[in-house]
């Protein structure tokens, strides 16, 4: 498997980002989780942001993980990712019940309870 380490980085970075948050996860944490040096991670990705973009791209397009990549994976691979994410949210939102939409607003935007009430009034 040519992308074995990329797959490991993806898998463990997802876990770490979910457990401790993106901003609190350092390259050294990911390296330790998969048992490699920090330099080895930088051989595969130019930084933490590119790892996050890779995870997001794989979430939207699962087969992306199976591609062959020039290394290190850099941000130029993710041109247009923001628009893909917005499109994915818009498509998903069309099929969600209103209560799920409220939950998504809270999770994605971290909206406070008073703001939630204002948004809820507008969704009725």
PDB file of N, CA and C in Angstrom:
ATOM      1  N   UNK A   1       0.850  -1.180   0.000  1.00  0.00           N
ATOM      2  CA  UNK A   1       0.000   0.000   0.000  1.00  0.00           C
ATOM      3  C   UNK A   1       0.894   1.242   0.000  1.00  0.00           C
ATOM      4  N   UNK A   2       0.885   1.972  -1.089  1.00  0.00           N
ATOM      5  CA  UNK A   2       1.750   3.137  -1.264  1.00  0.00           C
ATOM      6  C   UNK A   2       1.408   4.259  -0.284  1.00  0.00           C
ATOM      7  N   UNK A   3       0.173   4.363   0.101  1.00  0.00           N
ATOM      8  CA  UNK A   3      -0.261   5.445   0.983  1.00  0.00           C
ATOM      9  C   UNK A   3      -0.459   4.985   2.417  1.00  0.00           C
ATOM     10  N   UNK A   4       0.226   3.930   2.817  1.00  0.00           N
ATOM     11  CA  UNK A   4       0.031   3.387   4.162  1.00  0.00           C
ATOM     12  C   UNK A   4       0.211   4.415   5.258  1.00  0.00           C
ATOM     13  N   UNK A   5       1.312   5.175   5.187  1.00  0.00           N
ATOM     14  CA  UNK A   5       1.569   6.177   6.234  1.00  0.00           C
ATOM     15  C   UNK A   5       0.575   7.328   6.131  1.00  0.00           C
ATOM     16  N   UNK A   6       0.225   7.710   4.909  1.00  0.00           N
ATOM     17  CA  UNK A   6      -0.790   8.772   4.722  1.00  0.00           C
ATOM     18  C   UNK A   6      -2.102   8.328   5.386  1.00  0.00           C
ATOM     19  N   UNK A   7      -2.467   7.059   5.196  1.00  0.00           N
ATOM     20  CA  UNK A   7      -3.691   6.537   5.820  1.00  0.00           C
ATOM     21  C   UNK A   7      -3.592   6.576   7.338  1.00  0.00           C
ATOM     22  N   UNK A   8      -2.418   6.219   7.874  1.00  0.00           N
ATOM     23  CA  UNK A   8      -2.216   6.269   9.329  1.00  0.00           C
ATOM     24  C   UNK A   8      -2.320   7.698   9.846  1.00  0.00           C
ATOM     25  N   UNK A   9      -1.684   8.616   9.140  1.00  0.00           N
ATOM     26  CA  UNK A   9      -1.745  10.024   9.540  1.00  0.00           C
ATOM     27  C   UNK A   9      -3.198  10.492   9.535  1.00  0.00           C
ATOM     28  N   UNK A  10      -3.909  10.163   8.475  1.00  0.00           N
ATOM     29  CA  UNK A  10      -5.325  10.533   8.355  1.00  0.00           C
ATOM     30  C   UNK A  10      -6.116   9.985   9.540  1.00  0.00           C
ATOM     31  N   UNK A  11      -5.988   8.705   9.790  1.00  0.00           N
ATOM     32  CA  UNK A  11      -6.776   8.048  10.836  1.00  0.00           C
ATOM     33  C   UNK A  11      -6.478   8.615  12.226  1.00  0.00           C
ATOM     34  N   UNK A  12      -5.192   8.745  12.553  1.00  0.00           N
ATOM     35  CA  UNK A  12      -4.846   9.226  13.894  1.00  0.00           C
ATOM     36  C   UNK A  12      -5.073  10.726  14.047  1.00  0.00           C
ATOM     37  N   UNK A  13      -4.883  11.488  12.988  1.00  0.00           N
ATOM     38  CA  UNK A  13      -5.152  12.929  13.063  1.00  0.00           C
ATOM     39  C   UNK A  13      -6.641  13.181  13.292  1.00  0.00           C
ATOM     40  N   UNK A  14      -7.497  12.404  12.634  1.00  0.00           N
ATOM     41  CA  UNK A  14      -8.942  12.543  12.865  1.00  0.00           C
ATOM     42  C   UNK A  14      -9.237  12.340  14.350  1.00  0.00           C
ATOM     43  N   UNK A  15      -8.707  11.275  14.912  1.00  0.00           N
ATOM     44  CA  UNK A  15      -8.952  10.985  16.330  1.00  0.00           C
ATOM     45  C   UNK A  15      -8.462  12.128  17.218  1.00  0.00           C
ATOM     46  N   UNK A  16      -7.252  12.583  16.954  1.00  0.00           N
ATOM     47  CA  UNK A  16      -6.677  13.649  17.786  1.00  0.00           C
ATOM     48  C   UNK A  16      -7.431  14.966  17.632  1.00  0.00           C
ATOM     49  N   UNK A  17      -7.796  15.322  16.411  1.00  0.00           N
ATOM     50  CA  UNK A  17      -8.549  16.560  16.194  1.00  0.00           C
ATOM     51  C   UNK A  17      -9.888  16.497  16.930  1.00  0.00           C
ATOM     52  N   UNK A  18     -10.532  15.332  16.921  1.00  0.00           N
ATOM     53  CA  UNK A  18     -11.810  15.196  17.614  1.00  0.00           C
ATOM     54  C   UNK A  18     -11.633  15.201  19.126  1.00  0.00           C
ATOM     55  N   UNK A  19     -10.570  14.553  19.611  1.00  0.00           N
ATOM     56  CA  UNK A  19     -10.353  14.458  21.058  1.00  0.00           C
ATOM     57  C   UNK A  19      -9.877  15.766  21.676  1.00  0.00           C
ATOM     58  N   UNK A  20      -8.912  16.416  21.043  1.00  0.00           N
ATOM     59  CA  UNK A  20      -8.321  17.588  21.681  1.00  0.00           C
ATOM     60  C   UNK A  20      -8.509  18.868  20.897  1.00  0.00           C
ATOM     61  N   UNK A  21      -9.145  18.782  19.748  1.00  0.00           N
ATOM     62  CA  UNK A  21      -9.376  19.961  18.927  1.00  0.00           C
ATOM     63  C   UNK A  21      -8.234  20.197  17.961  1.00  0.00           C
ATOM     64  N   UNK A  22      -8.567  20.816  16.849  1.00  0.00           N
ATOM     65  CA  UNK A  22      -7.564  21.090  15.817  1.00  0.00           C
ATOM     66  C   UNK A  22      -6.453  21.989  16.345  1.00  0.00           C
ATOM     67  N   UNK A  23      -6.829  23.077  16.999  1.00  0.00           N
ATOM     68  CA  UNK A  23      -5.833  24.064  17.425  1.00  0.00           C
ATOM     69  C   UNK A  23      -4.902  23.543  18.515  1.00  0.00           C
ATOM     70  N   UNK A  24      -5.314  22.518  19.237  1.00  0.00           N
ATOM     71  CA  UNK A  24      -4.480  21.969  20.302  1.00  0.00           C
ATOM     72  C   UNK A  24      -3.674  20.751  19.855  1.00  0.00           C
ATOM     73  N   UNK A  25      -3.869  20.332  18.621  1.00  0.00           N
ATOM     74  CA  UNK A  25      -3.152  19.163  18.107  1.00  0.00           C
ATOM     75  C   UNK A  25      -1.944  19.623  17.309  1.00  0.00           C
ATOM     76  N   UNK A  26      -0.792  19.196  17.742  1.00  0.00           N
ATOM     77  CA  UNK A  26       0.452  19.547  17.074  1.00  0.00           C
ATOM     78  C   UNK A  26       0.925  18.376  16.205  1.00  0.00           C
ATOM     79  N   UNK A  27       1.783  18.703  15.258  1.00  0.00           N
ATOM     80  CA  UNK A  27       2.369  17.670  14.411  1.00  0.00           C
ATOM     81  C   UNK A  27       3.039  16.607  15.284  1.00  0.00           C
ATOM     82  N   UNK A  28       3.666  17.029  16.361  1.00  0.00           N
ATOM     83  CA  UNK A  28       4.348  16.077  17.249  1.00  0.00           C
ATOM     84  C   UNK A  28       3.371  15.083  17.872  1.00  0.00           C
ATOM     85  N   UNK A  29       2.145  15.504  18.142  1.00  0.00           N
ATOM     86  CA  UNK A  29       1.131  14.593  18.685  1.00  0.00           C
ATOM     87  C   UNK A  29       0.776  13.525  17.661  1.00  0.00           C
ATOM     88  N   UNK A  30       0.611  13.948  16.426  1.00  0.00           N
ATOM     89  CA  UNK A  30       0.263  13.003  15.352  1.00  0.00           C
ATOM     90  C   UNK A  30       1.426  12.037  15.134  1.00  0.00           C
ATOM     91  N   UNK A  31       2.637  12.564  15.112  1.00  0.00           N
ATOM     92  CA  UNK A  31       3.824  11.721  14.931  1.00  0.00           C
ATOM     93  C   UNK A  31       3.923  10.669  16.032  1.00  0.00           C
ATOM     94  N   UNK A  32       3.706  11.096  17.261  1.00  0.00           N
ATOM     95  CA  UNK A  32       3.774  10.162  18.395  1.00  0.00           C
ATOM     96  C   UNK A  32       2.700   9.084  18.280  1.00  0.00           C
ATOM     97  N   UNK A  33       1.502   9.474  17.858  1.00  0.00           N
ATOM     98  CA  UNK A  33       0.393   8.523  17.750  1.00  0.00           C
ATOM     99  C   UNK A  33       0.684   7.411  16.743  1.00  0.00           C
ATOM    100  N   UNK A  34       1.395   7.741  15.676  1.00  0.00           N
ATOM    101  CA  UNK A  34       1.676   6.700  14.679  1.00  0.00           C
ATOM    102  C   UNK A  34       3.090   6.135  14.795  1.00  0.00           C
ATOM    103  N   UNK A  35       3.869   6.663  15.733  1.00  0.00           N
ATOM    104  CA  UNK A  35       5.188   6.118  15.998  1.00  0.00           C
ATOM    105  C   UNK A  35       6.265   6.493  14.996  1.00  0.00           C
ATOM    106  N   UNK A  36       6.219   7.738  14.521  1.00  0.00           N
ATOM    107  CA  UNK A  36       7.250   8.227  13.595  1.00  0.00           C
ATOM    108  C   UNK A  36       7.769   9.567  14.106  1.00  0.00           C
ATOM    109  N   UNK A  37       8.819  10.057  13.469  1.00  0.00           N
ATOM    110  CA  UNK A  37       9.359  11.358  13.853  1.00  0.00           C
ATOM    111  C   UNK A  37       8.531  12.484  13.234  1.00  0.00           C
ATOM    112  N   UNK A  38       8.670  13.663  13.799  1.00  0.00           N
ATOM    113  CA  UNK A  38       8.001  14.844  13.254  1.00  0.00           C
ATOM    114  C   UNK A  38       8.450  15.079  11.813  1.00  0.00           C
ATOM    115  N   UNK A  39       9.732  14.879  11.549  1.00  0.00           N
ATOM    116  CA  UNK A  39      10.259  15.051  10.199  1.00  0.00           C
ATOM    117  C   UNK A  39       9.602  14.133   9.187  1.00  0.00           C
ATOM    118  N   UNK A  40       9.236  12.943   9.629  1.00  0.00           N
ATOM    119  CA  UNK A  40       8.554  11.997   8.739  1.00  0.00           C
ATOM    120  C   UNK A  40       7.179  12.528   8.352  1.00  0.00           C
ATOM    121  N   UNK A  41       6.490  13.144   9.299  1.00  0.00           N
ATOM    122  CA  UNK A  41       5.185  13.742   8.992  1.00  0.00           C
ATOM    123  C   UNK A  41       5.366  14.837   7.945  1.00  0.00           C
ATOM    124  N   UNK A  42       6.395  15.662   8.128  1.00  0.00           N
ATOM    125  CA  UNK A  42       6.650  16.750   7.176  1.00  0.00           C
ATOM    126  C   UNK A  42       7.099  16.220   5.808  1.00  0.00           C
ATOM    127  N   UNK A  43       7.529  14.994   5.747  1.00  0.00           N
ATOM    128  CA  UNK A  43       7.822  14.374   4.451  1.00  0.00           C
ATOM    129  C   UNK A  43       6.520  14.149   3.672  1.00  0.00           C
ATOM    130  N   UNK A  44       5.424  13.910   4.412  1.00  0.00           N
ATOM    131  CA  UNK A  44       4.138  13.610   3.782  1.00  0.00           C
ATOM    132  C   UNK A  44       3.209  14.808   3.659  1.00  0.00           C
ATOM    133  N   UNK A  45       3.274  15.741   4.605  1.00  0.00           N
ATOM    134  CA  UNK A  45       2.403  16.929   4.619  1.00  0.00           C
ATOM    135  C   UNK A  45       3.240  18.151   4.955  1.00  0.00           C
ATOM    136  N   UNK A  46       2.898  19.298   4.357  1.00  0.00           N
ATOM    137  CA  UNK A  46       3.659  20.512   4.651  1.00  0.00           C
ATOM    138  C   UNK A  46       3.294  21.113   6.005  1.00  0.00           C
ATOM    139  N   UNK A  47       2.181  20.703   6.602  1.00  0.00           N
ATOM    140  CA  UNK A  47       1.805  21.227   7.906  1.00  0.00           C
ATOM    141  C   UNK A  47       0.476  20.689   8.397  1.00  0.00           C
ATOM    142  N   UNK A  48       0.099  21.146   9.576  1.00  0.00           N
ATOM    143  CA  UNK A  48      -1.140  20.728  10.224  1.00  0.00           C
ATOM    144  C   UNK A  48      -2.375  21.137   9.409  1.00  0.00           C
ATOM    145  N   UNK A  49      -2.324  22.319   8.833  1.00  0.00           N
ATOM    146  CA  UNK A  49      -3.465  22.802   8.048  1.00  0.00           C
ATOM    147  C   UNK A  49      -3.721  21.885   6.845  1.00  0.00           C
ATOM    148  N   UNK A  50      -2.658  21.422   6.208  1.00  0.00           N
ATOM    149  CA  UNK A  50      -2.810  20.528   5.062  1.00  0.00           C
ATOM    150  C   UNK A  50      -3.370  19.171   5.494  1.00  0.00           C
ATOM    151  N   UNK A  51      -3.010  18.731   6.699  1.00  0.00           N
ATOM    152  CA  UNK A  51      -3.587  17.487   7.218  1.00  0.00           C
ATOM    153  C   UNK A  51      -5.086  17.673   7.419  1.00  0.00           C
ATOM    154  N   UNK A  52      -5.481  18.811   7.990  1.00  0.00           N
ATOM    155  CA  UNK A  52      -6.912  19.077   8.185  1.00  0.00           C
ATOM    156  C   UNK A  52      -7.633  19.166   6.843  1.00  0.00           C
ATOM    157  N   UNK A  53      -7.049  19.839   5.877  1.00  0.00           N
ATOM    158  CA  UNK A  53      -7.672  19.929   4.555  1.00  0.00           C
ATOM    159  C   UNK A  53      -7.793  18.548   3.920  1.00  0.00           C
ATOM    160  N   UNK A  54      -6.790  17.726   4.113  1.00  0.00           N
ATOM    161  CA  UNK A  54      -6.819  16.356   3.594  1.00  0.00           C
ATOM    162  C   UNK A  54      -7.980  15.576   4.213  1.00  0.00           C
ATOM    163  N   UNK A  55      -8.143  15.695   5.518  1.00  0.00           N
ATOM    164  CA  UNK A  55      -9.241  15.021   6.224  1.00  0.00           C
ATOM    165  C   UNK A  55     -10.586  15.503   5.698  1.00  0.00           C
ATOM    166  N   UNK A  56     -10.737  16.807   5.549  1.00  0.00           N
ATOM    167  CA  UNK A  56     -12.002  17.355   5.041  1.00  0.00           C
ATOM    168  C   UNK A  56     -12.285  16.859   3.621  1.00  0.00           C
ATOM    169  N   UNK A  57     -11.259  16.864   2.771  1.00  0.00           N
ATOM    170  CA  UNK A  57     -11.426  16.397   1.389  1.00  0.00           C
ATOM    171  C   UNK A  57     -11.831  14.924   1.370  1.00  0.00           C
ATOM    172  N   UNK A  58     -11.207  14.114   2.224  1.00  0.00           N
ATOM    173  CA  UNK A  58     -11.543  12.689   2.286  1.00  0.00           C
ATOM    174  C   UNK A  58     -12.958  12.459   2.824  1.00  0.00           C
ATOM    175  N   UNK A  59     -13.418  13.357   3.673  1.00  0.00           N
ATOM    176  CA  UNK A  59     -14.775  13.253   4.206  1.00  0.00           C
ATOM    177  C   UNK A  59     -15.796  13.522   3.103  1.00  0.00           C
ATOM    178  N   UNK A  60     -15.515  14.516   2.287  1.00  0.00           N
ATOM    179  CA  UNK A  60     -16.414  14.868   1.190  1.00  0.00           C
ATOM    180  C   UNK A  60     -16.309  13.861   0.045  1.00  0.00           C
ATOM    181  N   UNK A  61     -15.091  13.404  -0.206  1.00  0.00           N
ATOM    182  CA  UNK A  61     -14.816  12.507  -1.337  1.00  0.00           C
ATOM    183  C   UNK A  61     -13.985  11.323  -0.818  1.00  0.00           C
ATOM    184  N   UNK A  62     -14.638  10.273  -0.272  1.00  0.00           N
ATOM    185  CA  UNK A  62     -13.925   9.167   0.365  1.00  0.00           C
ATOM    186  C   UNK A  62     -12.852   8.495  -0.507  1.00  0.00           C
ATOM    187  N   UNK A  63     -13.043   8.422  -1.808  1.00  0.00           N
ATOM    188  CA  UNK A  63     -12.047   7.801  -2.674  1.00  0.00           C
ATOM    189  C   UNK A  63     -10.771   8.622  -2.803  1.00  0.00           C
ATOM    190  N   UNK A  64     -10.793   9.862  -2.345  1.00  0.00           N
ATOM    191  CA  UNK A  64      -9.620  10.726  -2.402  1.00  0.00           C
ATOM    192  C   UNK A  64      -8.444  10.087  -1.657  1.00  0.00           C
ATOM    193  N   UNK A  65      -8.737   9.378  -0.586  1.00  0.00           N
ATOM    194  CA  UNK A  65      -7.711   8.735   0.232  1.00  0.00           C
ATOM    195  C   UNK A  65      -6.932   7.688  -0.558  1.00  0.00           C
ATOM    196  N   UNK A  66      -7.526   7.130  -1.584  1.00  0.00           N
ATOM    197  CA  UNK A  66      -6.892   6.064  -2.359  1.00  0.00           C
ATOM    198  C   UNK A  66      -6.042   6.557  -3.517  1.00  0.00           C
ATOM    199  N   UNK A  67      -5.992   7.846  -3.738  1.00  0.00           N
ATOM    200  CA  UNK A  67      -5.182   8.406  -4.824  1.00  0.00           C
ATOM    201  C   UNK A  67      -3.699   8.313  -4.508  1.00  0.00           C
ATOM    202  N   UNK A  68      -2.897   8.436  -5.538  1.00  0.00           N
ATOM    203  CA  UNK A  68      -1.449   8.571  -5.356  1.00  0.00           C
ATOM    204  C   UNK A  68      -1.143  10.064  -5.241  1.00  0.00           C
ATOM    205  N   UNK A  69      -0.252  10.430  -4.344  1.00  0.00           N
ATOM    206  CA  UNK A  69       0.042  11.837  -4.088  1.00  0.00           C
ATOM    207  C   UNK A  69       1.523  12.127  -4.232  1.00  0.00           C
ATOM    208  N   UNK A  70       1.829  13.297  -4.802  1.00  0.00           N
ATOM    209  CA  UNK A  70       3.183  13.815  -4.732  1.00  0.00           C
ATOM    210  C   UNK A  70       3.376  14.293  -3.307  1.00  0.00           C
ATOM    211  N   UNK A  71       4.567  14.110  -2.796  1.00  0.00           N
ATOM    212  CA  UNK A  71       4.836  14.477  -1.419  1.00  0.00           C
ATOM    213  C   UNK A  71       5.857  15.600  -1.355  1.00  0.00           C
ATOM    214  N   UNK A  72       5.768  16.453  -0.405  1.00  0.00           N
ATOM    215  CA  UNK A  72       4.735  16.505   0.624  1.00  0.00           C
ATOM    216  C   UNK A  72       3.425  17.060   0.062  1.00  0.00           C
ATOM    217  N   UNK A  73       2.339  16.615   0.655  1.00  0.00           N
ATOM    218  CA  UNK A  73       1.021  17.117   0.267  1.00  0.00           C
ATOM    219  C   UNK A  73       0.934  18.562   0.746  1.00  0.00           C
ATOM    220  N   UNK A  74       0.649  19.456  -0.203  1.00  0.00           N
ATOM    221  CA  UNK A  74       0.616  20.891   0.093  1.00  0.00           C
ATOM    222  C   UNK A  74      -0.778  21.442  -0.193  1.00  0.00           C
ATOM    223  N   UNK A  75      -0.989  22.673   0.226  1.00  0.00           N
ATOM    224  CA  UNK A  75      -2.306  23.297   0.129  1.00  0.00           C
ATOM    225  C   UNK A  75      -2.797  23.472  -1.307  1.00  0.00           C
ATOM    226  N   UNK A  76      -1.893  23.497  -2.282  1.00  0.00           N
ATOM    227  CA  UNK A  76      -2.344  23.665  -3.668  1.00  0.00           C
ATOM    228  C   UNK A  76      -3.201  22.494  -4.137  1.00  0.00           C
ATOM    229  N   UNK A  77      -3.155  21.380  -3.431  1.00  0.00           N
ATOM    230  CA  UNK A  77      -3.999  20.226  -3.756  1.00  0.00           C
ATOM    231  C   UNK A  77      -5.463  20.488  -3.376  1.00  0.00           C
ATOM    232  N   UNK A  78      -5.693  21.490  -2.550  1.00  0.00           N
ATOM    233  CA  UNK A  78      -7.032  21.721  -2.000  1.00  0.00           C
ATOM    234  C   UNK A  78      -7.682  23.000  -2.507  1.00  0.00           C
ATOM    235  N   UNK A  79      -7.270  23.466  -3.657  1.00  0.00           N
ATOM    236  CA  UNK A  79      -7.903  24.642  -4.256  1.00  0.00           C
ATOM    237  C   UNK A  79      -9.378  24.302  -4.505  1.00  0.00           C
ATOM    238  N   UNK A  80     -10.264  25.158  -4.049  1.00  0.00           N
ATOM    239  CA  UNK A  80     -11.697  24.940  -4.227  1.00  0.00           C
ATOM    240  C   UNK A  80     -12.342  24.128  -3.116  1.00  0.00           C
ATOM    241  N   UNK A  81     -11.579  23.721  -2.110  1.00  0.00           N
ATOM    242  CA  UNK A  81     -12.125  22.899  -1.027  1.00  0.00           C
ATOM    243  C   UNK A  81     -13.221  23.633  -0.254  1.00  0.00           C
ATOM    244  N   UNK A  82     -13.023  24.919  -0.014  1.00  0.00           N
ATOM    245  CA  UNK A  82     -14.020  25.691   0.729  1.00  0.00           C
ATOM    246  C   UNK A  82     -15.383  25.640   0.023  1.00  0.00           C
ATOM    247  N   UNK A  83     -15.377  25.796  -1.295  1.00  0.00           N
ATOM    248  CA  UNK A  83     -16.628  25.741  -2.052  1.00  0.00           C
ATOM    249  C   UNK A  83     -17.239  24.339  -1.992  1.00  0.00           C
ATOM    250  N   UNK A  84     -16.389  23.301  -2.009  1.00  0.00           N
ATOM    251  CA  UNK A  84     -16.887  21.924  -1.899  1.00  0.00           C
ATOM    252  C   UNK A  84     -17.555  21.691  -0.551  1.00  0.00           C
ATOM    253  N   UNK A  85     -16.968  22.241   0.497  1.00  0.00           N
ATOM    254  CA  UNK A  85     -17.529  22.088   1.840  1.00  0.00           C
ATOM    255  C   UNK A  85     -18.878  22.790   1.935  1.00  0.00           C
ATOM    256  N   UNK A  86     -18.939  24.012   1.439  1.00  0.00           N
ATOM    257  CA  UNK A  86     -20.193  24.765   1.461  1.00  0.00           C
ATOM    258  C   UNK A  86     -21.267  24.018   0.676  1.00  0.00           C
ATOM    259  N   UNK A  87     -20.914  23.522  -0.475  1.00  0.00           N
ATOM    260  CA  UNK A  87     -21.863  22.767  -1.294  1.00  0.00           C
ATOM    261  C   UNK A  87     -22.354  21.521  -0.569  1.00  0.00           C
ATOM    262  N   UNK A  88     -21.446  20.812   0.083  1.00  0.00           N
ATOM    263  CA  UNK A  88     -21.826  19.602   0.825  1.00  0.00           C
ATOM    264  C   UNK A  88     -22.792  19.945   1.951  1.00  0.00           C
ATOM    265  N   UNK A  89     -22.544  21.059   2.667  1.00  0.00           N
ATOM    266  CA  UNK A  89     -23.458  21.484   3.725  1.00  0.00           C
ATOM    267  C   UNK A  89     -24.818  21.863   3.152  1.00  0.00           C
ATOM    268  N   UNK A  90     -24.822  22.579   2.035  1.00  0.00           N
ATOM    269  CA  UNK A  90     -26.090  22.992   1.431  1.00  0.00           C
ATOM    270  C   UNK A  90     -26.905  21.790   0.988  1.00  0.00           C
ATOM    271  N   UNK A  91     -26.268  20.821   0.378  1.00  0.00           N
ATOM    272  CA  UNK A  91     -26.971  19.612  -0.065  1.00  0.00           C
ATOM    273  C   UNK A  91     -27.504  18.838   1.134  1.00  0.00           C
ATOM    274  N   UNK A  92     -26.672  18.704   2.168  1.00  0.00           N
ATOM    275  CA  UNK A  92     -27.106  17.985   3.373  1.00  0.00           C
ATOM    276  C   UNK A  92     -28.249  18.705   4.070  1.00  0.00           C
ATOM    277  N   UNK A  93     -28.165  20.031   4.136  1.00  0.00           N
ATOM    278  CA  UNK A  93     -29.184  20.814   4.835  1.00  0.00           C
ATOM    279  C   UNK A  93     -30.552  20.680   4.192  1.00  0.00           C
ATOM    280  N   UNK A  94     -30.594  20.460   2.889  1.00  0.00           N
ATOM    281  CA  UNK A  94     -31.875  20.308   2.203  1.00  0.00           C
ATOM    282  C   UNK A  94     -32.631  19.074   2.677  1.00  0.00           C
ATOM    283  N   UNK A  95     -31.908  18.117   3.243  1.00  0.00           N
ATOM    284  CA  UNK A  95     -32.523  16.847   3.625  1.00  0.00           C
ATOM    285  C   UNK A  95     -32.635  16.652   5.132  1.00  0.00           C
ATOM    286  N   UNK A  96     -32.258  17.662   5.902  1.00  0.00           N
ATOM    287  CA  UNK A  96     -32.307  17.540   7.355  1.00  0.00           C
ATOM    288  C   UNK A  96     -33.593  18.124   7.925  1.00  0.00           C
ATOM    289  N   UNK A  97     -34.157  17.472   8.929  1.00  0.00           N
ATOM    290  CA  UNK A  97     -35.288  18.089   9.634  1.00  0.00           C
ATOM    291  C   UNK A  97     -34.817  19.364  10.331  1.00  0.00           C
ATOM    292  N   UNK A  98     -35.741  20.259  10.643  1.00  0.00           N
ATOM    293  CA  UNK A  98     -35.396  21.542  11.260  1.00  0.00           C
ATOM    294  C   UNK A  98     -34.626  21.362  12.565  1.00  0.00           C
ATOM    295  N   UNK A  99     -34.978  20.362  13.382  1.00  0.00           N
ATOM    296  CA  UNK A  99     -34.274  20.181  14.658  1.00  0.00           C
ATOM    297  C   UNK A  99     -32.811  19.825  14.425  1.00  0.00           C
ATOM    298  N   UNK A 100     -32.520  19.072  13.387  1.00  0.00           N
ATOM    299  CA  UNK A 100     -31.133  18.724  13.079  1.00  0.00           C
ATOM    300  C   UNK A 100     -30.394  19.955  12.582  1.00  0.00           C
ATOM    301  N   UNK A 101     -31.101  20.802  11.832  1.00  0.00           N
ATOM    302  CA  UNK A 101     -30.463  22.034  11.354  1.00  0.00           C
ATOM    303  C   UNK A 101     -30.042  22.899  12.526  1.00  0.00           C
ATOM    304  N   UNK A 102     -30.890  22.971  13.551  1.00  0.00           N
ATOM    305  CA  UNK A 102     -30.542  23.747  14.736  1.00  0.00           C
ATOM    306  C   UNK A 102     -29.307  23.174  15.411  1.00  0.00           C
ATOM    307  N   UNK A 103     -29.242  21.860  15.513  1.00  0.00           N
ATOM    308  CA  UNK A 103     -28.071  21.217  16.109  1.00  0.00           C
ATOM    309  C   UNK A 103     -26.824  21.518  15.298  1.00  0.00           C
ATOM    310  N   UNK A 104     -26.936  21.478  13.984  1.00  0.00           N
ATOM    311  CA  UNK A 104     -25.794  21.764  13.116  1.00  0.00           C
ATOM    312  C   UNK A 104     -25.327  23.203  13.301  1.00  0.00           C
ATOM    313  N   UNK A 105     -26.260  24.129  13.451  1.00  0.00           N
ATOM    314  CA  UNK A 105     -25.905  25.534  13.668  1.00  0.00           C
ATOM    315  C   UNK A 105     -25.109  25.666  14.964  1.00  0.00           C
ATOM    316  N   UNK A 106     -25.558  25.004  16.017  1.00  0.00           N
ATOM    317  CA  UNK A 106     -24.876  25.073  17.312  1.00  0.00           C
ATOM    318  C   UNK A 106     -23.472  24.490  17.197  1.00  0.00           C
ATOM    319  N   UNK A 107     -23.364  23.319  16.591  1.00  0.00           N
ATOM    320  CA  UNK A 107     -22.073  22.633  16.500  1.00  0.00           C
ATOM    321  C   UNK A 107     -21.105  23.395  15.609  1.00  0.00           C
ATOM    322  N   UNK A 108     -21.532  23.746  14.418  1.00  0.00           N
ATOM    323  CA  UNK A 108     -20.629  24.361  13.454  1.00  0.00           C
ATOM    324  C   UNK A 108     -20.244  25.772  13.855  1.00  0.00           C
ATOM    325  N   UNK A 109     -21.204  26.549  14.315  1.00  0.00           N
ATOM    326  CA  UNK A 109     -20.939  27.956  14.575  1.00  0.00           C
ATOM    327  C   UNK A 109     -20.784  28.298  16.047  1.00  0.00           C
ATOM    328  N   UNK A 110     -21.049  27.338  16.938  1.00  0.00           N
ATOM    329  CA  UNK A 110     -20.911  27.594  18.362  1.00  0.00           C
ATOM    330  C   UNK A 110     -21.827  28.696  18.843  1.00  0.00           C
ATOM    331  N   UNK A 111     -23.043  28.720  18.327  1.00  0.00           N
ATOM    332  CA  UNK A 111     -23.979  29.796  18.650  1.00  0.00           C
ATOM    333  C   UNK A 111     -24.516  29.611  20.072  1.00  0.00           C
ATOM    334  N   UNK A 112     -24.633  30.718  20.788  1.00  0.00           N
ATOM    335  CA  UNK A 112     -25.147  30.697  22.151  1.00  0.00           C
ATOM    336  C   UNK A 112     -26.653  30.448  22.142  1.00  0.00           C
ATOM    337  N   UNK A 113     -27.192  30.126  23.306  1.00  0.00           N
ATOM    338  CA  UNK A 113     -28.619  29.839  23.417  1.00  0.00           C
ATOM    339  C   UNK A 113     -29.497  31.005  22.951  1.00  0.00           C
ATOM    340  N   UNK A 114     -29.224  32.261  23.361  1.00  0.00           N
ATOM    341  CA  UNK A 114     -30.061  33.372  22.863  1.00  0.00           C
ATOM    342  C   UNK A 114     -30.020  33.492  21.334  1.00  0.00           C
ATOM    343  N   UNK A 115     -28.830  33.303  20.770  1.00  0.00           N
ATOM    344  CA  UNK A 115     -28.729  33.367  19.303  1.00  0.00           C
ATOM    345  C   UNK A 115     -29.488  32.207  18.671  1.00  0.00           C
ATOM    346  N   UNK A 116     -29.446  31.041  19.320  1.00  0.00           N
ATOM    347  CA  UNK A 116     -30.184  29.887  18.815  1.00  0.00           C
ATOM    348  C   UNK A 116     -31.679  30.200  18.756  1.00  0.00           C
ATOM    349  N   UNK A 117     -32.199  30.853  19.784  1.00  0.00           N
ATOM    350  CA  UNK A 117     -33.616  31.190  19.801  1.00  0.00           C
ATOM    351  C   UNK A 117     -33.962  32.127  18.638  1.00  0.00           C
ATOM    352  N   UNK A 118     -33.083  33.075  18.377  1.00  0.00           N
ATOM    353  CA  UNK A 118     -33.324  34.002  17.254  1.00  0.00           C
ATOM    354  C   UNK A 118     -33.328  33.223  15.943  1.00  0.00           C
ATOM    355  N   UNK A 119     -32.366  32.325  15.761  1.00  0.00           N
ATOM    356  CA  UNK A 119     -32.325  31.518  14.540  1.00  0.00           C
ATOM    357  C   UNK A 119     -33.547  30.616  14.449  1.00  0.00           C
ATOM    358  N   UNK A 120     -33.943  30.036  15.597  1.00  0.00           N
ATOM    359  CA  UNK A 120     -35.092  29.129  15.580  1.00  0.00           C
ATOM    360  C   UNK A 120     -36.354  29.876  15.162  1.00  0.00           C
ATOM    361  N   UNK A 121     -36.532  31.086  15.666  1.00  0.00           N
ATOM    362  CA  UNK A 121     -37.710  31.871  15.284  1.00  0.00           C
ATOM    363  C   UNK A 121     -37.747  32.090  13.766  1.00  0.00           C
ATOM    364  N   UNK A 122     -36.594  32.289  13.176  1.00  0.00           N
ATOM    365  CA  UNK A 122     -36.526  32.515  11.738  1.00  0.00           C
ATOM    366  C   UNK A 122     -36.760  31.263  10.913  1.00  0.00           C
ATOM    367  N   UNK A 123     -36.616  30.074  11.524  1.00  0.00           N
ATOM    368  CA  UNK A 123     -36.767  28.816  10.792  1.00  0.00           C
ATOM    369  C   UNK A 123     -38.197  28.308  10.801  1.00  0.00           C
ATOM    370  N   UNK A 124     -39.048  28.930  11.586  1.00  0.00           N
ATOM    371  CA  UNK A 124     -40.433  28.464  11.669  1.00  0.00           C
ATOM    372  C   UNK A 124     -41.220  28.820  10.445  1.00  0.00           C
TER     373      UNK A 124
END
